[in-house]
Amino acid sequence: MLWQPDFIANVQLHPTASGGRSCPTPAEWFGCPLNYEGEFFDARFDLTALGSIAPGNNAKVPGKFLSPELIKPRLKVGSKFTLWEGKTIGEGEILEIVTP
């Protein structure tokens, strides 16, 4: 694992034909803004255990916020979010909040 995660989430990337990414994520880690309740937060997903995620696929992945103090207290299991790269490219759901 690259870092201690703040959360574990199920992430679903939209298919390319539906406006998703045109290629898979990088294999080691993937970063993009996470939209939660209308606000954007920088997040990184550790993909070292599973590799890249292709458009249209989903995966259970650990995530880390660059400023966890701004969002982590607001999250709960079941919280839903979207992933943004100039447009919505996927969505996710918090499965676990990781405490140090």
PDB file of N, CA and C in Angstrom:
ATOM      1  N   MET A   1       0.851  -1.165   0.000  1.00  0.00           N
ATOM      2  CA  MET A   1       0.000   0.000   0.000  1.00  0.00           C
ATOM      3  C   MET A   1       0.903   1.237   0.000  1.00  0.00           C
ATOM      4  N   LEU A   2       0.515   2.222  -0.797  1.00  0.00           N
ATOM      5  CA  LEU A   2       1.319   3.432  -0.933  1.00  0.00           C
ATOM      6  C   LEU A   2       1.250   4.353   0.274  1.00  0.00           C
ATOM      7  N   TRP A   3       0.108   4.380   0.961  1.00  0.00           N
ATOM      8  CA  TRP A   3      -0.097   5.283   2.088  1.00  0.00           C
ATOM      9  C   TRP A   3      -1.231   4.740   2.947  1.00  0.00           C
ATOM     10  N   GLN A   4      -1.337   5.281   4.146  1.00  0.00           N
ATOM     11  CA  GLN A   4      -2.444   4.922   5.041  1.00  0.00           C
ATOM     12  C   GLN A   4      -3.711   5.554   4.479  1.00  0.00           C
ATOM     13  N   PRO A   5      -4.724   4.768   4.128  1.00  0.00           N
ATOM     14  CA  PRO A   5      -5.932   5.350   3.532  1.00  0.00           C
ATOM     15  C   PRO A   5      -6.813   6.051   4.561  1.00  0.00           C
ATOM     16  N   ASP A   6      -7.631   6.974   4.050  1.00  0.00           N
ATOM     17  CA  ASP A   6      -8.655   7.633   4.859  1.00  0.00           C
ATOM     18  C   ASP A   6      -9.986   6.899   4.756  1.00  0.00           C
ATOM     19  N   PHE A   7     -10.163   6.165   3.646  1.00  0.00           N
ATOM     20  CA  PHE A   7     -11.423   5.473   3.399  1.00  0.00           C
ATOM     21  C   PHE A   7     -11.226   4.334   2.409  1.00  0.00           C
ATOM     22  N   ILE A   8     -12.192   3.430   2.384  1.00  0.00           N
ATOM     23  CA  ILE A   8     -12.287   2.377   1.367  1.00  0.00           C
ATOM     24  C   ILE A   8     -13.602   2.638   0.644  1.00  0.00           C
ATOM     25  N   ALA A   9     -13.556   2.590  -0.681  1.00  0.00           N
ATOM     26  CA  ALA A   9     -14.765   2.889  -1.449  1.00  0.00           C
ATOM     27  C   ALA A   9     -14.928   1.912  -2.601  1.00  0.00           C
ATOM     28  N   ASN A  10     -16.162   1.739  -3.011  1.00  0.00           N
ATOM     29  CA  ASN A  10     -16.451   1.046  -4.260  1.00  0.00           C
ATOM     30  C   ASN A  10     -16.548   2.145  -5.315  1.00  0.00           C
ATOM     31  N   VAL A  11     -15.705   2.051  -6.345  1.00  0.00           N
ATOM     32  CA  VAL A  11     -15.651   3.052  -7.401  1.00  0.00           C
ATOM     33  C   VAL A  11     -16.089   2.420  -8.708  1.00  0.00           C
ATOM     34  N   GLN A  12     -16.994   3.083  -9.410  1.00  0.00           N
ATOM     35  CA  GLN A  12     -17.488   2.635 -10.722  1.00  0.00           C
ATOM     36  C   GLN A  12     -17.137   3.709 -11.741  1.00  0.00           C
ATOM     37  N   LEU A  13     -16.292   3.374 -12.729  1.00  0.00           N
ATOM     38  CA  LEU A  13     -15.981   4.318 -13.797  1.00  0.00           C
ATOM     39  C   LEU A  13     -17.001   4.178 -14.911  1.00  0.00           C
ATOM     40  N   HIS A  14     -17.457   5.309 -15.439  1.00  0.00           N
ATOM     41  CA  HIS A  14     -18.409   5.275 -16.552  1.00  0.00           C
ATOM     42  C   HIS A  14     -17.715   4.745 -17.809  1.00  0.00           C
ATOM     43  N   PRO A  15     -18.437   4.034 -18.664  1.00  0.00           N
ATOM     44  CA  PRO A  15     -17.861   3.598 -19.940  1.00  0.00           C
ATOM     45  C   PRO A  15     -17.489   4.813 -20.796  1.00  0.00           C
ATOM     46  N   THR A  16     -16.499   4.659 -21.642  1.00  0.00           N
ATOM     47  CA  THR A  16     -16.076   5.741 -22.530  1.00  0.00           C
ATOM     48  C   THR A  16     -17.250   6.269 -23.351  1.00  0.00           C
ATOM     49  N   ALA A  17     -18.074   5.374 -23.887  1.00  0.00           N
ATOM     50  CA  ALA A  17     -19.213   5.765 -24.727  1.00  0.00           C
ATOM     51  C   ALA A  17     -20.253   6.582 -23.960  1.00  0.00           C
ATOM     52  N   SER A  18     -20.216   6.508 -22.623  1.00  0.00           N
ATOM     53  CA  SER A  18     -21.166   7.265 -21.798  1.00  0.00           C
ATOM     54  C   SER A  18     -20.517   8.484 -21.158  1.00  0.00           C
ATOM     55  N   GLY A  19     -19.372   8.912 -21.700  1.00  0.00           N
ATOM     56  CA  GLY A  19     -18.704  10.104 -21.196  1.00  0.00           C
ATOM     57  C   GLY A  19     -17.590   9.849 -20.212  1.00  0.00           C
ATOM     58  N   GLY A  20     -17.224   8.588 -20.005  1.00  0.00           N
ATOM     59  CA  GLY A  20     -16.147   8.259 -19.079  1.00  0.00           C
ATOM     60  C   GLY A  20     -14.773   8.504 -19.682  1.00  0.00           C
ATOM     61  N   ARG A  21     -13.766   8.098 -18.972  1.00  0.00           N
ATOM     62  CA  ARG A  21     -12.378   8.218 -19.445  1.00  0.00           C
ATOM     63  C   ARG A  21     -12.210   7.519 -20.788  1.00  0.00           C
ATOM     64  N   SER A  22     -11.227   7.967 -21.556  1.00  0.00           N
ATOM     65  CA  SER A  22     -10.953   7.333 -22.843  1.00  0.00           C
ATOM     66  C   SER A  22      -9.970   6.175 -22.703  1.00  0.00           C
ATOM     67  N   CYS A  23      -9.371   6.022 -21.523  1.00  0.00           N
ATOM     68  CA  CYS A  23      -8.401   4.948 -21.295  1.00  0.00           C
ATOM     69  C   CYS A  23      -8.451   4.536 -19.825  1.00  0.00           C
ATOM     70  N   PRO A  24      -7.840   3.403 -19.486  1.00  0.00           N
ATOM     71  CA  PRO A  24      -7.811   2.982 -18.076  1.00  0.00           C
ATOM     72  C   PRO A  24      -7.012   3.952 -17.211  1.00  0.00           C
ATOM     73  N   THR A  25      -7.219   3.862 -15.915  1.00  0.00           N
ATOM     74  CA  THR A  25      -6.433   4.655 -14.964  1.00  0.00           C
ATOM     75  C   THR A  25      -4.994   4.156 -14.988  1.00  0.00           C
ATOM     76  N   PRO A  26      -4.070   4.941 -14.447  1.00  0.00           N
ATOM     77  CA  PRO A  26      -2.718   4.416 -14.253  1.00  0.00           C
ATOM     78  C   PRO A  26      -2.778   3.199 -13.318  1.00  0.00           C
ATOM     79  N   ALA A  27      -1.774   2.366 -13.349  1.00  0.00           N
ATOM     80  CA  ALA A  27      -1.792   1.110 -12.588  1.00  0.00           C
ATOM     81  C   ALA A  27      -1.471   1.271 -11.104  1.00  0.00           C
ATOM     82  N   GLU A  28      -0.644   2.246 -10.741  1.00  0.00           N
ATOM     83  CA  GLU A  28      -0.209   2.349  -9.351  1.00  0.00           C
ATOM     84  C   GLU A  28      -1.153   3.183  -8.493  1.00  0.00           C
ATOM     85  N   TRP A  29      -1.497   4.369  -8.955  1.00  0.00           N
ATOM     86  CA  TRP A  29      -2.438   5.219  -8.234  1.00  0.00           C
ATOM     87  C   TRP A  29      -3.145   6.134  -9.218  1.00  0.00           C
ATOM     88  N   PHE A  30      -4.299   6.627  -8.784  1.00  0.00           N
ATOM     89  CA  PHE A  30      -5.136   7.472  -9.620  1.00  0.00           C
ATOM     90  C   PHE A  30      -5.648   8.622  -8.770  1.00  0.00           C
ATOM     91  N   GLY A  31      -5.502   9.828  -9.254  1.00  0.00           N
ATOM     92  CA  GLY A  31      -5.982  10.984  -8.512  1.00  0.00           C
ATOM     93  C   GLY A  31      -6.936  11.835  -9.328  1.00  0.00           C
ATOM     94  N   CYS A  32      -7.960  12.325  -8.675  1.00  0.00           N
ATOM     95  CA  CYS A  32      -8.890  13.255  -9.307  1.00  0.00           C
ATOM     96  C   CYS A  32      -9.745  13.885  -8.223  1.00  0.00           C
ATOM     97  N   PRO A  33     -10.391  15.005  -8.547  1.00  0.00           N
ATOM     98  CA  PRO A  33     -11.305  15.586  -7.569  1.00  0.00           C
ATOM     99  C   PRO A  33     -12.512  14.669  -7.318  1.00  0.00           C
ATOM    100  N   LEU A  34     -12.884  14.596  -6.070  1.00  0.00           N
ATOM    101  CA  LEU A  34     -14.044  13.821  -5.635  1.00  0.00           C
ATOM    102  C   LEU A  34     -15.122  14.844  -5.272  1.00  0.00           C
ATOM    103  N   ASN A  35     -16.287  14.732  -5.861  1.00  0.00           N
ATOM    104  CA  ASN A  35     -17.394  15.657  -5.610  1.00  0.00           C
ATOM    105  C   ASN A  35     -18.320  15.025  -4.570  1.00  0.00           C
ATOM    106  N   TYR A  36     -18.400  15.683  -3.419  1.00  0.00           N
ATOM    107  CA  TYR A  36     -19.275  15.218  -2.350  1.00  0.00           C
ATOM    108  C   TYR A  36     -20.151  16.374  -1.906  1.00  0.00           C
ATOM    109  N   GLU A  37     -21.446  16.193  -2.018  1.00  0.00           N
ATOM    110  CA  GLU A  37     -22.431  17.207  -1.633  1.00  0.00           C
ATOM    111  C   GLU A  37     -22.149  18.564  -2.280  1.00  0.00           C
ATOM    112  N   GLY A  38     -21.750  18.545  -3.566  1.00  0.00           N
ATOM    113  CA  GLY A  38     -21.535  19.776  -4.307  1.00  0.00           C
ATOM    114  C   GLY A  38     -20.189  20.447  -4.100  1.00  0.00           C
ATOM    115  N   GLU A  39     -19.307  19.838  -3.305  1.00  0.00           N
ATOM    116  CA  GLU A  39     -17.971  20.385  -3.072  1.00  0.00           C
ATOM    117  C   GLU A  39     -16.929  19.397  -3.594  1.00  0.00           C
ATOM    118  N   PHE A  40     -15.809  19.937  -4.076  1.00  0.00           N
ATOM    119  CA  PHE A  40     -14.748  19.100  -4.627  1.00  0.00           C
ATOM    120  C   PHE A  40     -13.583  18.986  -3.656  1.00  0.00           C
ATOM    121  N   PHE A  41     -13.061  17.767  -3.517  1.00  0.00           N
ATOM    122  CA  PHE A  41     -11.946  17.469  -2.631  1.00  0.00           C
ATOM    123  C   PHE A  41     -10.931  16.620  -3.389  1.00  0.00           C
ATOM    124  N   ASP A  42      -9.652  16.984  -3.314  1.00  0.00           N
ATOM    125  CA  ASP A  42      -8.616  16.203  -3.988  1.00  0.00           C
ATOM    126  C   ASP A  42      -8.447  14.862  -3.302  1.00  0.00           C
ATOM    127  N   ALA A  43      -8.506  13.798  -4.096  1.00  0.00           N
ATOM    128  CA  ALA A  43      -8.378  12.441  -3.565  1.00  0.00           C
ATOM    129  C   ALA A  43      -7.415  11.632  -4.431  1.00  0.00           C
ATOM    130  N   ARG A  44      -6.781  10.661  -3.813  1.00  0.00           N
ATOM    131  CA  ARG A  44      -5.894   9.720  -4.493  1.00  0.00           C
ATOM    132  C   ARG A  44      -6.367   8.309  -4.152  1.00  0.00           C
ATOM    133  N   PHE A  45      -6.377   7.453  -5.154  1.00  0.00           N
ATOM    134  CA  PHE A  45      -6.782   6.057  -4.963  1.00  0.00           C
ATOM    135  C   PHE A  45      -5.574   5.164  -5.188  1.00  0.00           C
ATOM    136  N   ASP A  46      -5.300   4.298  -4.227  1.00  0.00           N
ATOM    137  CA  ASP A  46      -4.167   3.377  -4.288  1.00  0.00           C
ATOM    138  C   ASP A  46      -4.591   2.131  -5.071  1.00  0.00           C
ATOM    139  N   LEU A  47      -3.985   1.942  -6.235  1.00  0.00           N
ATOM    140  CA  LEU A  47      -4.348   0.814  -7.095  1.00  0.00           C
ATOM    141  C   LEU A  47      -3.274  -0.268  -7.134  1.00  0.00           C
ATOM    142  N   THR A  48      -2.288  -0.192  -6.244  1.00  0.00           N
ATOM    143  CA  THR A  48      -1.176  -1.148  -6.290  1.00  0.00           C
ATOM    144  C   THR A  48      -1.623  -2.596  -6.111  1.00  0.00           C
ATOM    145  N   ALA A  49      -2.695  -2.839  -5.382  1.00  0.00           N
ATOM    146  CA  ALA A  49      -3.153  -4.215  -5.138  1.00  0.00           C
ATOM    147  C   ALA A  49      -3.942  -4.787  -6.308  1.00  0.00           C
ATOM    148  N   LEU A  50      -4.488  -3.921  -7.197  1.00  0.00           N
ATOM    149  CA  LEU A  50      -5.331  -4.446  -8.271  1.00  0.00           C
ATOM    150  C   LEU A  50      -4.954  -3.971  -9.660  1.00  0.00           C
ATOM    151  N   GLY A  51      -4.177  -2.916  -9.774  1.00  0.00           N
ATOM    152  CA  GLY A  51      -3.810  -2.388 -11.087  1.00  0.00           C
ATOM    153  C   GLY A  51      -4.838  -1.399 -11.596  1.00  0.00           C
ATOM    154  N   SER A  52      -4.695  -1.034 -12.862  1.00  0.00           N
ATOM    155  CA  SER A  52      -5.563  -0.002 -13.430  1.00  0.00           C
ATOM    156  C   SER A  52      -7.017  -0.457 -13.514  1.00  0.00           C
ATOM    157  N   ILE A  53      -7.894   0.535 -13.565  1.00  0.00           N
ATOM    158  CA  ILE A  53      -9.336   0.299 -13.701  1.00  0.00           C
ATOM    159  C   ILE A  53      -9.750   0.815 -15.076  1.00  0.00           C
ATOM    160  N   ALA A  54     -10.347  -0.030 -15.872  1.00  0.00           N
ATOM    161  CA  ALA A  54     -10.780   0.350 -17.214  1.00  0.00           C
ATOM    162  C   ALA A  54     -12.135   1.042 -17.155  1.00  0.00           C
ATOM    163  N   PRO A  55     -12.388   1.946 -18.106  1.00  0.00           N
ATOM    164  CA  PRO A  55     -13.717   2.569 -18.173  1.00  0.00           C
ATOM    165  C   PRO A  55     -14.807   1.495 -18.227  1.00  0.00           C
ATOM    166  N   GLY A  56     -15.877   1.701 -17.469  1.00  0.00           N
ATOM    167  CA  GLY A  56     -16.973   0.739 -17.407  1.00  0.00           C
ATOM    168  C   GLY A  56     -16.834  -0.280 -16.297  1.00  0.00           C
ATOM    169  N   ASN A  57     -15.681  -0.319 -15.636  1.00  0.00           N
ATOM    170  CA  ASN A  57     -15.454  -1.295 -14.569  1.00  0.00           C
ATOM    171  C   ASN A  57     -15.565  -0.651 -13.194  1.00  0.00           C
ATOM    172  N   ASN A  58     -15.688  -1.506 -12.192  1.00  0.00           N
ATOM    173  CA  ASN A  58     -15.714  -1.023 -10.818  1.00  0.00           C
ATOM    174  C   ASN A  58     -14.694  -1.786  -9.995  1.00  0.00           C
ATOM    175  N   ALA A  59     -14.332  -1.187  -8.850  1.00  0.00           N
ATOM    176  CA  ALA A  59     -13.337  -1.803  -7.975  1.00  0.00           C
ATOM    177  C   ALA A  59     -13.501  -1.266  -6.561  1.00  0.00           C
ATOM    178  N   LYS A  60     -13.104  -2.081  -5.613  1.00  0.00           N
ATOM    179  CA  LYS A  60     -13.041  -1.674  -4.211  1.00  0.00           C
ATOM    180  C   LYS A  60     -11.617  -1.169  -3.985  1.00  0.00           C
ATOM    181  N   VAL A  61     -11.480   0.113  -3.630  1.00  0.00           N
ATOM    182  CA  VAL A  61     -10.149   0.721  -3.543  1.00  0.00           C
ATOM    183  C   VAL A  61      -9.996   1.583  -2.291  1.00  0.00           C
ATOM    184  N   PRO A  62      -8.768   1.628  -1.746  1.00  0.00           N
ATOM    185  CA  PRO A  62      -8.487   2.552  -0.652  1.00  0.00           C
ATOM    186  C   PRO A  62      -8.232   3.943  -1.212  1.00  0.00           C
ATOM    187  N   GLY A  63      -8.687   4.964  -0.488  1.00  0.00           N
ATOM    188  CA  GLY A  63      -8.512   6.342  -0.927  1.00  0.00           C
ATOM    189  C   GLY A  63      -7.931   7.222   0.160  1.00  0.00           C
ATOM    190  N   LYS A  64      -7.294   8.283  -0.291  1.00  0.00           N
ATOM    191  CA  LYS A  64      -6.642   9.242   0.607  1.00  0.00           C
ATOM    192  C   LYS A  64      -7.010  10.646   0.161  1.00  0.00           C
ATOM    193  N   PHE A  65      -7.361  11.520   1.105  1.00  0.00           N
ATOM    194  CA  PHE A  65      -7.628  12.911   0.803  1.00  0.00           C
ATOM    195  C   PHE A  65      -6.360  13.731   1.018  1.00  0.00           C
ATOM    196  N   LEU A  66      -6.162  14.757   0.192  1.00  0.00           N
ATOM    197  CA  LEU A  66      -5.023  15.641   0.393  1.00  0.00           C
ATOM    198  C   LEU A  66      -5.265  16.577   1.577  1.00  0.00           C
ATOM    199  N   SER A  67      -6.520  16.875   1.865  1.00  0.00           N
ATOM    200  CA  SER A  67      -6.893  17.680   3.035  1.00  0.00           C
ATOM    201  C   SER A  67      -8.017  16.963   3.780  1.00  0.00           C
ATOM    202  N   PRO A  68      -7.703  15.867   4.467  1.00  0.00           N
ATOM    203  CA  PRO A  68      -8.747  15.056   5.099  1.00  0.00           C
ATOM    204  C   PRO A  68      -9.575  15.801   6.135  1.00  0.00           C
ATOM    205  N   GLU A  69      -8.991  16.799   6.772  1.00  0.00           N
ATOM    206  CA  GLU A  69      -9.724  17.531   7.811  1.00  0.00           C
ATOM    207  C   GLU A  69     -10.935  18.283   7.251  1.00  0.00           C
ATOM    208  N   LEU A  70     -10.958  18.535   5.945  1.00  0.00           N
ATOM    209  CA  LEU A  70     -12.068  19.263   5.334  1.00  0.00           C
ATOM    210  C   LEU A  70     -13.274  18.386   5.014  1.00  0.00           C
ATOM    211  N   ILE A  71     -13.050  17.093   4.858  1.00  0.00           N
ATOM    212  CA  ILE A  71     -14.156  16.219   4.431  1.00  0.00           C
ATOM    213  C   ILE A  71     -14.368  15.005   5.319  1.00  0.00           C
ATOM    214  N   LYS A  72     -13.310  14.429   5.824  1.00  0.00           N
ATOM    215  CA  LYS A  72     -13.441  13.156   6.546  1.00  0.00           C
ATOM    216  C   LYS A  72     -14.472  13.193   7.676  1.00  0.00           C
ATOM    217  N   PRO A  73     -14.555  14.266   8.466  1.00  0.00           N
ATOM    218  CA  PRO A  73     -15.574  14.293   9.529  1.00  0.00           C
ATOM    219  C   PRO A  73     -17.016  14.278   9.011  1.00  0.00           C
ATOM    220  N   ARG A  74     -17.207  14.636   7.762  1.00  0.00           N
ATOM    221  CA  ARG A  74     -18.558  14.691   7.184  1.00  0.00           C
ATOM    222  C   ARG A  74     -18.991  13.363   6.567  1.00  0.00           C
ATOM    223  N   LEU A  75     -18.050  12.480   6.294  1.00  0.00           N
ATOM    224  CA  LEU A  75     -18.371  11.218   5.628  1.00  0.00           C
ATOM    225  C   LEU A  75     -18.922  10.177   6.582  1.00  0.00           C
ATOM    226  N   LYS A  76     -19.700   9.274   6.024  1.00  0.00           N
ATOM    227  CA  LYS A  76     -20.158   8.102   6.769  1.00  0.00           C
ATOM    228  C   LYS A  76     -20.247   6.940   5.784  1.00  0.00           C
ATOM    229  N   VAL A  77     -20.313   5.745   6.293  1.00  0.00           N
ATOM    230  CA  VAL A  77     -20.496   4.577   5.433  1.00  0.00           C
ATOM    231  C   VAL A  77     -21.788   4.773   4.648  1.00  0.00           C
ATOM    232  N   GLY A  78     -21.711   4.567   3.359  1.00  0.00           N
ATOM    233  CA  GLY A  78     -22.867   4.764   2.496  1.00  0.00           C
ATOM    234  C   GLY A  78     -22.883   6.100   1.781  1.00  0.00           C
ATOM    235  N   SER A  79     -21.987   7.034   2.174  1.00  0.00           N
ATOM    236  CA  SER A  79     -21.916   8.324   1.487  1.00  0.00           C
ATOM    237  C   SER A  79     -21.568   8.099   0.020  1.00  0.00           C
ATOM    238  N   LYS A  80     -22.260   8.818  -0.858  1.00  0.00           N
ATOM    239  CA  LYS A  80     -22.038   8.685  -2.292  1.00  0.00           C
ATOM    240  C   LYS A  80     -21.298   9.914  -2.813  1.00  0.00           C
ATOM    241  N   PHE A  81     -20.492   9.709  -3.853  1.00  0.00           N
ATOM    242  CA  PHE A  81     -19.713  10.787  -4.446  1.00  0.00           C
ATOM    243  C   PHE A  81     -19.546  10.528  -5.934  1.00  0.00           C
ATOM    244  N   THR A  82     -19.082  11.547  -6.655  1.00  0.00           N
ATOM    245  CA  THR A  82     -18.737  11.373  -8.064  1.00  0.00           C
ATOM    246  C   THR A  82     -17.267  11.735  -8.247  1.00  0.00           C
ATOM    247  N   LEU A  83     -16.696  11.262  -9.345  1.00  0.00           N
ATOM    248  CA  LEU A  83     -15.305  11.542  -9.705  1.00  0.00           C
ATOM    249  C   LEU A  83     -15.297  12.487 -10.896  1.00  0.00           C
ATOM    250  N   TRP A  84     -14.402  13.456 -10.888  1.00  0.00           N
ATOM    251  CA  TRP A  84     -14.415  14.539 -11.855  1.00  0.00           C
ATOM    252  C   TRP A  84     -13.063  14.673 -12.569  1.00  0.00           C
ATOM    253  N   GLU A  85     -13.090  14.714 -13.882  1.00  0.00           N
ATOM    254  CA  GLU A  85     -11.922  15.045 -14.718  1.00  0.00           C
ATOM    255  C   GLU A  85     -12.406  15.983 -15.821  1.00  0.00           C
ATOM    256  N   GLY A  86     -12.841  17.169 -15.450  1.00  0.00           N
ATOM    257  CA  GLY A  86     -13.418  18.096 -16.403  1.00  0.00           C
ATOM    258  C   GLY A  86     -14.869  17.760 -16.723  1.00  0.00           C
ATOM    259  N   LYS A  87     -15.296  16.611 -16.298  1.00  0.00           N
ATOM    260  CA  LYS A  87     -16.663  16.097 -16.419  1.00  0.00           C
ATOM    261  C   LYS A  87     -16.764  14.929 -15.447  1.00  0.00           C
ATOM    262  N   THR A  88     -17.960  14.488 -15.167  1.00  0.00           N
ATOM    263  CA  THR A  88     -18.131  13.337 -14.273  1.00  0.00           C
ATOM    264  C   THR A  88     -17.719  12.073 -15.020  1.00  0.00           C
ATOM    265  N   ILE A  89     -16.743  11.356 -14.453  1.00  0.00           N
ATOM    266  CA  ILE A  89     -16.228  10.140 -15.102  1.00  0.00           C
ATOM    267  C   ILE A  89     -16.570   8.863 -14.332  1.00  0.00           C
ATOM    268  N   GLY A  90     -17.183   9.023 -13.170  1.00  0.00           N
ATOM    269  CA  GLY A  90     -17.521   7.854 -12.374  1.00  0.00           C
ATOM    270  C   GLY A  90     -18.193   8.261 -11.084  1.00  0.00           C
ATOM    271  N   GLU A  91     -18.489   7.258 -10.304  1.00  0.00           N
ATOM    272  CA  GLU A  91     -19.140   7.488  -9.018  1.00  0.00           C
ATOM    273  C   GLU A  91     -18.641   6.464  -8.023  1.00  0.00           C
ATOM    274  N   GLY A  92     -18.960   6.709  -6.777  1.00  0.00           N
ATOM    275  CA  GLY A  92     -18.515   5.787  -5.754  1.00  0.00           C
ATOM    276  C   GLY A  92     -19.355   5.862  -4.506  1.00  0.00           C
ATOM    277  N   GLU A  93     -19.067   4.933  -3.611  1.00  0.00           N
ATOM    278  CA  GLU A  93     -19.748   4.860  -2.327  1.00  0.00           C
ATOM    279  C   GLU A  93     -18.737   4.484  -1.264  1.00  0.00           C
ATOM    280  N   ILE A  94     -18.764   5.191  -0.144  1.00  0.00           N
ATOM    281  CA  ILE A  94     -17.873   4.898   0.964  1.00  0.00           C
ATOM    282  C   ILE A  94     -18.299   3.596   1.624  1.00  0.00           C
ATOM    283  N   LEU A  95     -17.362   2.651   1.717  1.00  0.00           N
ATOM    284  CA  LEU A  95     -17.636   1.370   2.362  1.00  0.00           C
ATOM    285  C   LEU A  95     -17.099   1.338   3.786  1.00  0.00           C
ATOM    286  N   GLU A  96     -16.037   2.110   4.029  1.00  0.00           N
ATOM    287  CA  GLU A  96     -15.393   2.108   5.353  1.00  0.00           C
ATOM    288  C   GLU A  96     -14.642   3.420   5.534  1.00  0.00           C
ATOM    289  N   ILE A  97     -14.712   3.982   6.734  1.00  0.00           N
ATOM    290  CA  ILE A  97     -13.900   5.131   7.115  1.00  0.00           C
ATOM    291  C   ILE A  97     -12.743   4.562   7.935  1.00  0.00           C
ATOM    292  N   VAL A  98     -11.523   4.838   7.527  1.00  0.00           N
ATOM    293  CA  VAL A  98     -10.344   4.305   8.207  1.00  0.00           C
ATOM    294  C   VAL A  98      -9.881   5.314   9.256  1.00  0.00           C
ATOM    295  N   THR A  99      -9.717   4.845  10.473  1.00  0.00           N
ATOM    296  CA  THR A  99      -9.208   5.687  11.554  1.00  0.00           C
ATOM    297  C   THR A  99      -7.789   5.236  11.877  1.00  0.00           C
ATOM    298  N   PRO A 100      -6.906   6.205  12.179  1.00  0.00           N
ATOM    299  CA  PRO A 100      -5.497   5.852  12.455  1.00  0.00           C
ATOM    300  C   PRO A 100      -5.339   5.019  13.707  1.00  0.00           C
TER     301      PRO A 100
END
